[in-house]
Amino acid sequence: MLTVNFLVITDTMVYNETMTVPTATEWTMAACTPATTDYIDLTIKHHNDIRANHSANPLVWDDDLSCIAQRHVESCIAEHLM
């Protein structure tokens, strides 16, 4: 596990947050349910259409990164929103 410190800045507040998160190895070792091909294709298509408007290179889907992001969302404790 890693302890991460970061600064949160909103329109009305600035404060420090600390959270403990699994390392990348811990995240990638657990099984992950991949996104459906339809979701991936649609998401990447729309995202790359907008990027093309700004002459940005297209993105490609990364299953490992998707799993890490999903695990992060599932482990997030949104105490700062309460």
PDB file of N, CA and C in Angstrom:
ATOM      1  N   MET A   1       0.845  -1.183   0.000  1.00  0.00           N
ATOM      2  CA  MET A   1       0.000   0.000   0.000  1.00  0.00           C
ATOM      3  C   MET A   1       0.889   1.244   0.000  1.00  0.00           C
ATOM      4  N   LEU A   2       0.372   2.293  -0.627  1.00  0.00           N
ATOM      5  CA  LEU A   2       1.062   3.576  -0.671  1.00  0.00           C
ATOM      6  C   LEU A   2       0.220   4.630   0.025  1.00  0.00           C
ATOM      7  N   THR A   3       0.868   5.560   0.682  1.00  0.00           N
ATOM      8  CA  THR A   3       0.164   6.706   1.234  1.00  0.00           C
ATOM      9  C   THR A   3       0.408   7.878   0.304  1.00  0.00           C
ATOM     10  N   VAL A   4      -0.670   8.481  -0.164  1.00  0.00           N
ATOM     11  CA  VAL A   4      -0.590   9.580  -1.122  1.00  0.00           C
ATOM     12  C   VAL A   4      -1.130  10.841  -0.465  1.00  0.00           C
ATOM     13  N   ASN A   5      -0.358  11.909  -0.528  1.00  0.00           N
ATOM     14  CA  ASN A   5      -0.793  13.211  -0.030  1.00  0.00           C
ATOM     15  C   ASN A   5      -1.016  14.118  -1.232  1.00  0.00           C
ATOM     16  N   PHE A   6      -2.110  14.845  -1.233  1.00  0.00           N
ATOM     17  CA  PHE A   6      -2.356  15.769  -2.328  1.00  0.00           C
ATOM     18  C   PHE A   6      -3.146  16.966  -1.841  1.00  0.00           C
ATOM     19  N   LEU A   7      -3.084  18.019  -2.616  1.00  0.00           N
ATOM     20  CA  LEU A   7      -3.752  19.275  -2.300  1.00  0.00           C
ATOM     21  C   LEU A   7      -5.048  19.351  -3.093  1.00  0.00           C
ATOM     22  N   VAL A   8      -6.138  19.646  -2.418  1.00  0.00           N
ATOM     23  CA  VAL A   8      -7.437  19.788  -3.071  1.00  0.00           C
ATOM     24  C   VAL A   8      -7.774  21.275  -3.112  1.00  0.00           C
ATOM     25  N   ILE A   9      -8.085  21.773  -4.300  1.00  0.00           N
ATOM     26  CA  ILE A   9      -8.420  23.183  -4.463  1.00  0.00           C
ATOM     27  C   ILE A   9      -9.811  23.280  -5.085  1.00  0.00           C
ATOM     28  N   THR A  10     -10.709  23.969  -4.408  1.00  0.00           N
ATOM     29  CA  THR A  10     -12.049  24.206  -4.940  1.00  0.00           C
ATOM     30  C   THR A  10     -12.232  25.709  -5.064  1.00  0.00           C
ATOM     31  N   ASP A  11     -13.408  26.135  -5.476  1.00  0.00           N
ATOM     32  CA  ASP A  11     -13.682  27.563  -5.592  1.00  0.00           C
ATOM     33  C   ASP A  11     -13.605  28.270  -4.241  1.00  0.00           C
ATOM     34  N   THR A  12     -13.906  27.543  -3.171  1.00  0.00           N
ATOM     35  CA  THR A  12     -13.987  28.185  -1.858  1.00  0.00           C
ATOM     36  C   THR A  12     -13.017  27.635  -0.817  1.00  0.00           C
ATOM     37  N   MET A  13     -12.310  26.536  -1.126  1.00  0.00           N
ATOM     38  CA  MET A  13     -11.464  25.905  -0.116  1.00  0.00           C
ATOM     39  C   MET A  13     -10.164  25.386  -0.719  1.00  0.00           C
ATOM     40  N   VAL A  14      -9.156  25.311   0.118  1.00  0.00           N
ATOM     41  CA  VAL A  14      -7.907  24.629  -0.208  1.00  0.00           C
ATOM     42  C   VAL A  14      -7.571  23.776   1.005  1.00  0.00           C
ATOM     43  N   TYR A  15      -7.378  22.472   0.802  1.00  0.00           N
ATOM     44  CA  TYR A  15      -7.050  21.612   1.929  1.00  0.00           C
ATOM     45  C   TYR A  15      -6.249  20.403   1.459  1.00  0.00           C
ATOM     46  N   ASN A  16      -5.571  19.781   2.393  1.00  0.00           N
ATOM     47  CA  ASN A  16      -4.772  18.594   2.113  1.00  0.00           C
ATOM     48  C   ASN A  16      -5.610  17.343   2.306  1.00  0.00           C
ATOM     49  N   GLU A  17      -5.371  16.367   1.478  1.00  0.00           N
ATOM     50  CA  GLU A  17      -5.997  15.050   1.601  1.00  0.00           C
ATOM     51  C   GLU A  17      -4.884  14.011   1.682  1.00  0.00           C
ATOM     52  N   THR A  18      -5.108  12.977   2.422  1.00  0.00           N
ATOM     53  CA  THR A  18      -4.194  11.842   2.482  1.00  0.00           C
ATOM     54  C   THR A  18      -5.028  10.591   2.294  1.00  0.00           C
ATOM     55  N   MET A  19      -4.552   9.700   1.443  1.00  0.00           N
ATOM     56  CA  MET A  19      -5.260   8.439   1.254  1.00  0.00           C
ATOM     57  C   MET A  19      -4.240   7.318   1.089  1.00  0.00           C
ATOM     58  N   THR A  20      -4.648   6.135   1.442  1.00  0.00           N
ATOM     59  CA  THR A  20      -3.824   4.954   1.248  1.00  0.00           C
ATOM     60  C   THR A  20      -4.422   4.182   0.083  1.00  0.00           C
ATOM     61  N   VAL A  21      -3.565   3.871  -0.872  1.00  0.00           N
ATOM     62  CA  VAL A  21      -4.031   3.174  -2.071  1.00  0.00           C
ATOM     63  C   VAL A  21      -3.142   1.963  -2.326  1.00  0.00           C
ATOM     64  N   PRO A  22      -3.685   0.955  -2.978  1.00  0.00           N
ATOM     65  CA  PRO A  22      -2.858  -0.198  -3.343  1.00  0.00           C
ATOM     66  C   PRO A  22      -1.806   0.220  -4.368  1.00  0.00           C
ATOM     67  N   THR A  23      -0.680  -0.462  -4.377  1.00  0.00           N
ATOM     68  CA  THR A  23       0.331  -0.213  -5.400  1.00  0.00           C
ATOM     69  C   THR A  23      -0.193  -0.726  -6.743  1.00  0.00           C
ATOM     70  N   ALA A  24       0.457  -0.320  -7.820  1.00  0.00           N
ATOM     71  CA  ALA A  24       0.051  -0.775  -9.155  1.00  0.00           C
ATOM     72  C   ALA A  24       0.111  -2.299  -9.236  1.00  0.00           C
ATOM     73  N   THR A  25       1.105  -2.893  -8.620  1.00  0.00           N
ATOM     74  CA  THR A  25       1.217  -4.357  -8.626  1.00  0.00           C
ATOM     75  C   THR A  25       0.036  -4.997  -7.920  1.00  0.00           C
ATOM     76  N   GLU A  26      -0.358  -4.442  -6.782  1.00  0.00           N
ATOM     77  CA  GLU A  26      -1.501  -4.987  -6.050  1.00  0.00           C
ATOM     78  C   GLU A  26      -2.783  -4.838  -6.856  1.00  0.00           C
ATOM     79  N   TRP A  27      -2.932  -3.715  -7.551  1.00  0.00           N
ATOM     80  CA  TRP A  27      -4.122  -3.505  -8.373  1.00  0.00           C
ATOM     81  C   TRP A  27      -4.170  -4.460  -9.543  1.00  0.00           C
ATOM     82  N   THR A  28      -3.045  -4.650 -10.209  1.00  0.00           N
ATOM     83  CA  THR A  28      -3.057  -5.465 -11.419  1.00  0.00           C
ATOM     84  C   THR A  28      -3.075  -6.954 -11.128  1.00  0.00           C
ATOM     85  N   MET A  29      -2.748  -7.365  -9.894  1.00  0.00           N
ATOM     86  CA  MET A  29      -2.752  -8.788  -9.567  1.00  0.00           C
ATOM     87  C   MET A  29      -4.165  -9.330  -9.385  1.00  0.00           C
ATOM     88  N   ALA A  30      -5.088  -8.501  -8.970  1.00  0.00           N
ATOM     89  CA  ALA A  30      -6.462  -8.954  -8.757  1.00  0.00           C
ATOM     90  C   ALA A  30      -7.190  -9.057 -10.096  1.00  0.00           C
ATOM     91  N   ALA A  31      -8.151  -9.969 -10.152  1.00  0.00           N
ATOM     92  CA  ALA A  31      -8.921 -10.145 -11.378  1.00  0.00           C
ATOM     93  C   ALA A  31      -9.768  -8.908 -11.644  1.00  0.00           C
ATOM     94  N   CYS A  32      -9.955  -8.609 -12.899  1.00  0.00           N
ATOM     95  CA  CYS A  32     -10.738  -7.439 -13.290  1.00  0.00           C
ATOM     96  C   CYS A  32     -11.681  -7.838 -14.417  1.00  0.00           C
ATOM     97  N   THR A  33     -12.921  -7.395 -14.325  1.00  0.00           N
ATOM     98  CA  THR A  33     -13.873  -7.649 -15.396  1.00  0.00           C
ATOM     99  C   THR A  33     -13.671  -6.589 -16.469  1.00  0.00           C
ATOM    100  N   PRO A  34     -13.267  -6.980 -17.669  1.00  0.00           N
ATOM    101  CA  PRO A  34     -13.004  -5.993 -18.712  1.00  0.00           C
ATOM    102  C   PRO A  34     -14.290  -5.325 -19.207  1.00  0.00           C
ATOM    103  N   ALA A  35     -14.129  -4.134 -19.723  1.00  0.00           N
ATOM    104  CA  ALA A  35     -15.258  -3.426 -20.328  1.00  0.00           C
ATOM    105  C   ALA A  35     -15.676  -4.161 -21.599  1.00  0.00           C
ATOM    106  N   THR A  36     -16.921  -3.975 -21.993  1.00  0.00           N
ATOM    107  CA  THR A  36     -17.392  -4.630 -23.219  1.00  0.00           C
ATOM    108  C   THR A  36     -16.772  -3.941 -24.445  1.00  0.00           C
ATOM    109  N   THR A  37     -16.641  -4.697 -25.511  1.00  0.00           N
ATOM    110  CA  THR A  37     -16.067  -4.160 -26.747  1.00  0.00           C
ATOM    111  C   THR A  37     -16.896  -2.987 -27.265  1.00  0.00           C
ATOM    112  N   ASP A  38     -18.218  -3.082 -27.167  1.00  0.00           N
ATOM    113  CA  ASP A  38     -19.076  -1.978 -27.626  1.00  0.00           C
ATOM    114  C   ASP A  38     -18.789  -0.696 -26.851  1.00  0.00           C
ATOM    115  N   TYR A  39     -18.645  -0.815 -25.527  1.00  0.00           N
ATOM    116  CA  TYR A  39     -18.358   0.360 -24.701  1.00  0.00           C
ATOM    117  C   TYR A  39     -17.004   0.946 -25.070  1.00  0.00           C
ATOM    118  N   ILE A  40     -16.008   0.088 -25.208  1.00  0.00           N
ATOM    119  CA  ILE A  40     -14.662   0.547 -25.547  1.00  0.00           C
ATOM    120  C   ILE A  40     -14.670   1.268 -26.895  1.00  0.00           C
ATOM    121  N   ASP A  41     -15.241   0.628 -27.904  1.00  0.00           N
ATOM    122  CA  ASP A  41     -15.259   1.221 -29.249  1.00  0.00           C
ATOM    123  C   ASP A  41     -15.954   2.579 -29.253  1.00  0.00           C
ATOM    124  N   LEU A  42     -17.101   2.666 -28.599  1.00  0.00           N
ATOM    125  CA  LEU A  42     -17.869   3.911 -28.577  1.00  0.00           C
ATOM    126  C   LEU A  42     -17.130   5.000 -27.803  1.00  0.00           C
ATOM    127  N   THR A  43     -16.576   4.642 -26.659  1.00  0.00           N
ATOM    128  CA  THR A  43     -15.854   5.609 -25.841  1.00  0.00           C
ATOM    129  C   THR A  43     -14.637   6.155 -26.574  1.00  0.00           C
ATOM    130  N   ILE A  44     -13.845   5.277 -27.130  1.00  0.00           N
ATOM    131  CA  ILE A  44     -12.635   5.709 -27.842  1.00  0.00           C
ATOM    132  C   ILE A  44     -12.988   6.513 -29.086  1.00  0.00           C
ATOM    133  N   LYS A  45     -14.034   6.097 -29.815  1.00  0.00           N
ATOM    134  CA  LYS A  45     -14.420   6.832 -31.017  1.00  0.00           C
ATOM    135  C   LYS A  45     -14.797   8.267 -30.686  1.00  0.00           C
ATOM    136  N   HIS A  46     -15.688   8.454 -29.722  1.00  0.00           N
ATOM    137  CA  HIS A  46     -16.128   9.808 -29.384  1.00  0.00           C
ATOM    138  C   HIS A  46     -14.988  10.642 -28.803  1.00  0.00           C
ATOM    139  N   HIS A  47     -14.174  10.025 -27.975  1.00  0.00           N
ATOM    140  CA  HIS A  47     -13.046  10.749 -27.387  1.00  0.00           C
ATOM    141  C   HIS A  47     -12.071  11.185 -28.486  1.00  0.00           C
ATOM    142  N   ASN A  48     -11.760  10.286 -29.421  1.00  0.00           N
ATOM    143  CA  ASN A  48     -10.812  10.614 -30.479  1.00  0.00           C
ATOM    144  C   ASN A  48     -11.392  11.600 -31.490  1.00  0.00           C
ATOM    145  N   ASP A  49     -12.716  11.586 -31.686  1.00  0.00           N
ATOM    146  CA  ASP A  49     -13.337  12.597 -32.557  1.00  0.00           C
ATOM    147  C   ASP A  49     -13.074  13.994 -32.004  1.00  0.00           C
ATOM    148  N   ILE A  50     -13.215  14.156 -30.696  1.00  0.00           N
ATOM    149  CA  ILE A  50     -12.980  15.455 -30.071  1.00  0.00           C
ATOM    150  C   ILE A  50     -11.492  15.792 -30.112  1.00  0.00           C
ATOM    151  N   ARG A  51     -10.630  14.816 -29.853  1.00  0.00           N
ATOM    152  CA  ARG A  51      -9.187  15.060 -29.917  1.00  0.00           C
ATOM    153  C   ARG A  51      -8.770  15.491 -31.316  1.00  0.00           C
ATOM    154  N   ALA A  52      -9.379  14.897 -32.342  1.00  0.00           N
ATOM    155  CA  ALA A  52      -9.035  15.249 -33.727  1.00  0.00           C
ATOM    156  C   ALA A  52      -9.350  16.715 -34.018  1.00  0.00           C
ATOM    157  N   ASN A  53     -10.379  17.259 -33.387  1.00  0.00           N
ATOM    158  CA  ASN A  53     -10.715  18.675 -33.566  1.00  0.00           C
ATOM    159  C   ASN A  53      -9.591  19.589 -33.089  1.00  0.00           C
ATOM    160  N   HIS A  54      -8.708  19.051 -32.253  1.00  0.00           N
ATOM    161  CA  HIS A  54      -7.614  19.842 -31.690  1.00  0.00           C
ATOM    162  C   HIS A  54      -6.251  19.329 -32.161  1.00  0.00           C
ATOM    163  N   SER A  55      -6.268  18.556 -33.246  1.00  0.00           N
ATOM    164  CA  SER A  55      -5.043  17.990 -33.841  1.00  0.00           C
ATOM    165  C   SER A  55      -4.256  17.122 -32.864  1.00  0.00           C
ATOM    166  N   ALA A  56      -4.944  16.520 -31.918  1.00  0.00           N
ATOM    167  CA  ALA A  56      -4.284  15.631 -30.958  1.00  0.00           C
ATOM    168  C   ALA A  56      -4.281  14.204 -31.501  1.00  0.00           C
ATOM    169  N   ASN A  57      -3.258  13.466 -31.172  1.00  0.00           N
ATOM    170  CA  ASN A  57      -3.166  12.074 -31.616  1.00  0.00           C
ATOM    171  C   ASN A  57      -4.275  11.245 -30.974  1.00  0.00           C
ATOM    172  N   PRO A  58      -4.756  10.222 -31.685  1.00  0.00           N
ATOM    173  CA  PRO A  58      -5.803   9.371 -31.114  1.00  0.00           C
ATOM    174  C   PRO A  58      -5.272   8.532 -29.961  1.00  0.00           C
ATOM    175  N   LEU A  59      -6.166   8.175 -29.060  1.00  0.00           N
ATOM    176  CA  LEU A  59      -5.842   7.302 -27.936  1.00  0.00           C
ATOM    177  C   LEU A  59      -6.246   5.875 -28.267  1.00  0.00           C
ATOM    178  N   VAL A  60      -5.643   4.932 -27.575  1.00  0.00           N
ATOM    179  CA  VAL A  60      -6.036   3.525 -27.678  1.00  0.00           C
ATOM    180  C   VAL A  60      -6.398   3.035 -26.285  1.00  0.00           C
ATOM    181  N   TRP A  61      -7.258   2.048 -26.217  1.00  0.00           N
ATOM    182  CA  TRP A  61      -7.712   1.488 -24.944  1.00  0.00           C
ATOM    183  C   TRP A  61      -6.613   0.619 -24.349  1.00  0.00           C
ATOM    184  N   ASP A  62      -6.446   0.698 -23.051  1.00  0.00           N
ATOM    185  CA  ASP A  62      -5.480  -0.130 -22.332  1.00  0.00           C
ATOM    186  C   ASP A  62      -6.242  -0.875 -21.235  1.00  0.00           C
ATOM    187  N   ASP A  63      -6.369  -2.199 -21.370  1.00  0.00           N
ATOM    188  CA  ASP A  63      -7.131  -2.991 -20.396  1.00  0.00           C
ATOM    189  C   ASP A  63      -6.546  -2.895 -18.988  1.00  0.00           C
ATOM    190  N   ASP A  64      -5.219  -2.905 -18.876  1.00  0.00           N
ATOM    191  CA  ASP A  64      -4.596  -2.812 -17.548  1.00  0.00           C
ATOM    192  C   ASP A  64      -4.917  -1.485 -16.886  1.00  0.00           C
ATOM    193  N   LEU A  65      -4.790  -0.395 -17.631  1.00  0.00           N
ATOM    194  CA  LEU A  65      -5.091   0.925 -17.083  1.00  0.00           C
ATOM    195  C   LEU A  65      -6.571   1.039 -16.730  1.00  0.00           C
ATOM    196  N   SER A  66      -7.430   0.444 -17.555  1.00  0.00           N
ATOM    197  CA  SER A  66      -8.860   0.447 -17.280  1.00  0.00           C
ATOM    198  C   SER A  66      -9.160  -0.264 -15.956  1.00  0.00           C
ATOM    199  N   CYS A  67      -8.506  -1.391 -15.717  1.00  0.00           N
ATOM    200  CA  CYS A  67      -8.712  -2.126 -14.464  1.00  0.00           C
ATOM    201  C   CYS A  67      -8.210  -1.326 -13.265  1.00  0.00           C
ATOM    202  N   ILE A  68      -7.067  -0.688 -13.409  1.00  0.00           N
ATOM    203  CA  ILE A  68      -6.533   0.125 -12.317  1.00  0.00           C
ATOM    204  C   ILE A  68      -7.496   1.266 -12.009  1.00  0.00           C
ATOM    205  N   ALA A  69      -8.003   1.931 -13.030  1.00  0.00           N
ATOM    206  CA  ALA A  69      -8.948   3.037 -12.819  1.00  0.00           C
ATOM    207  C   ALA A  69     -10.227   2.540 -12.155  1.00  0.00           C
ATOM    208  N   GLN A  70     -10.739   1.386 -12.590  1.00  0.00           N
ATOM    209  CA  GLN A  70     -11.965   0.837 -12.008  1.00  0.00           C
ATOM    210  C   GLN A  70     -11.767   0.502 -10.539  1.00  0.00           C
ATOM    211  N   ARG A  71     -10.641  -0.107 -10.208  1.00  0.00           N
ATOM    212  CA  ARG A  71     -10.366  -0.434  -8.813  1.00  0.00           C
ATOM    213  C   ARG A  71     -10.234   0.822  -7.964  1.00  0.00           C
ATOM    214  N   HIS A  72      -9.649   1.862  -8.541  1.00  0.00           N
ATOM    215  CA  HIS A  72      -9.524   3.121  -7.805  1.00  0.00           C
ATOM    216  C   HIS A  72     -10.906   3.689  -7.484  1.00  0.00           C
ATOM    217  N   VAL A  73     -11.790   3.688  -8.466  1.00  0.00           N
ATOM    218  CA  VAL A  73     -13.150   4.188  -8.261  1.00  0.00           C
ATOM    219  C   VAL A  73     -13.856   3.363  -7.196  1.00  0.00           C
ATOM    220  N   GLU A  74     -13.718   2.060  -7.263  1.00  0.00           N
ATOM    221  CA  GLU A  74     -14.397   1.187  -6.306  1.00  0.00           C
ATOM    222  C   GLU A  74     -13.853   1.340  -4.885  1.00  0.00           C
ATOM    223  N   SER A  75     -12.599   1.757  -4.746  1.00  0.00           N
ATOM    224  CA  SER A  75     -12.014   1.893  -3.419  1.00  0.00           C
ATOM    225  C   SER A  75     -12.077   3.324  -2.876  1.00  0.00           C
ATOM    226  N   CYS A  76     -12.561   4.246  -3.681  1.00  0.00           N
ATOM    227  CA  CYS A  76     -12.595   5.654  -3.279  1.00  0.00           C
ATOM    228  C   CYS A  76     -13.603   5.867  -2.151  1.00  0.00           C
ATOM    229  N   ILE A  77     -13.151   6.569  -1.143  1.00  0.00           N
ATOM    230  CA  ILE A  77     -14.045   6.971  -0.061  1.00  0.00           C
ATOM    231  C   ILE A  77     -14.188   8.482  -0.199  1.00  0.00           C
ATOM    232  N   ALA A  78     -15.345   8.923  -0.613  1.00  0.00           N
ATOM    233  CA  ALA A  78     -15.560  10.329  -0.939  1.00  0.00           C
ATOM    234  C   ALA A  78     -15.899  11.160   0.303  1.00  0.00           C
ATOM    235  N   GLU A  79     -15.082  11.029   1.337  1.00  0.00           N
ATOM    236  CA  GLU A  79     -15.333  11.776   2.572  1.00  0.00           C
ATOM    237  C   GLU A  79     -15.235  13.283   2.349  1.00  0.00           C
ATOM    238  N   HIS A  80     -14.407  13.692   1.398  1.00  0.00           N
ATOM    239  CA  HIS A  80     -14.228  15.125   1.164  1.00  0.00           C
ATOM    240  C   HIS A  80     -15.474  15.769   0.554  1.00  0.00           C
ATOM    241  N   LEU A  81     -16.425  14.962   0.101  1.00  0.00           N
ATOM    242  CA  LEU A  81     -17.646  15.492  -0.494  1.00  0.00           C
ATOM    243  C   LEU A  81     -18.776  15.604   0.519  1.00  0.00           C
ATOM    244  N   MET A  82     -18.538  15.157   1.742  1.00  0.00           N
ATOM    245  CA  MET A  82     -19.602  15.132   2.735  1.00  0.00           C
ATOM    246  C   MET A  82     -19.533  16.318   3.659  1.00  0.00           C
TER     247      MET A  82
END
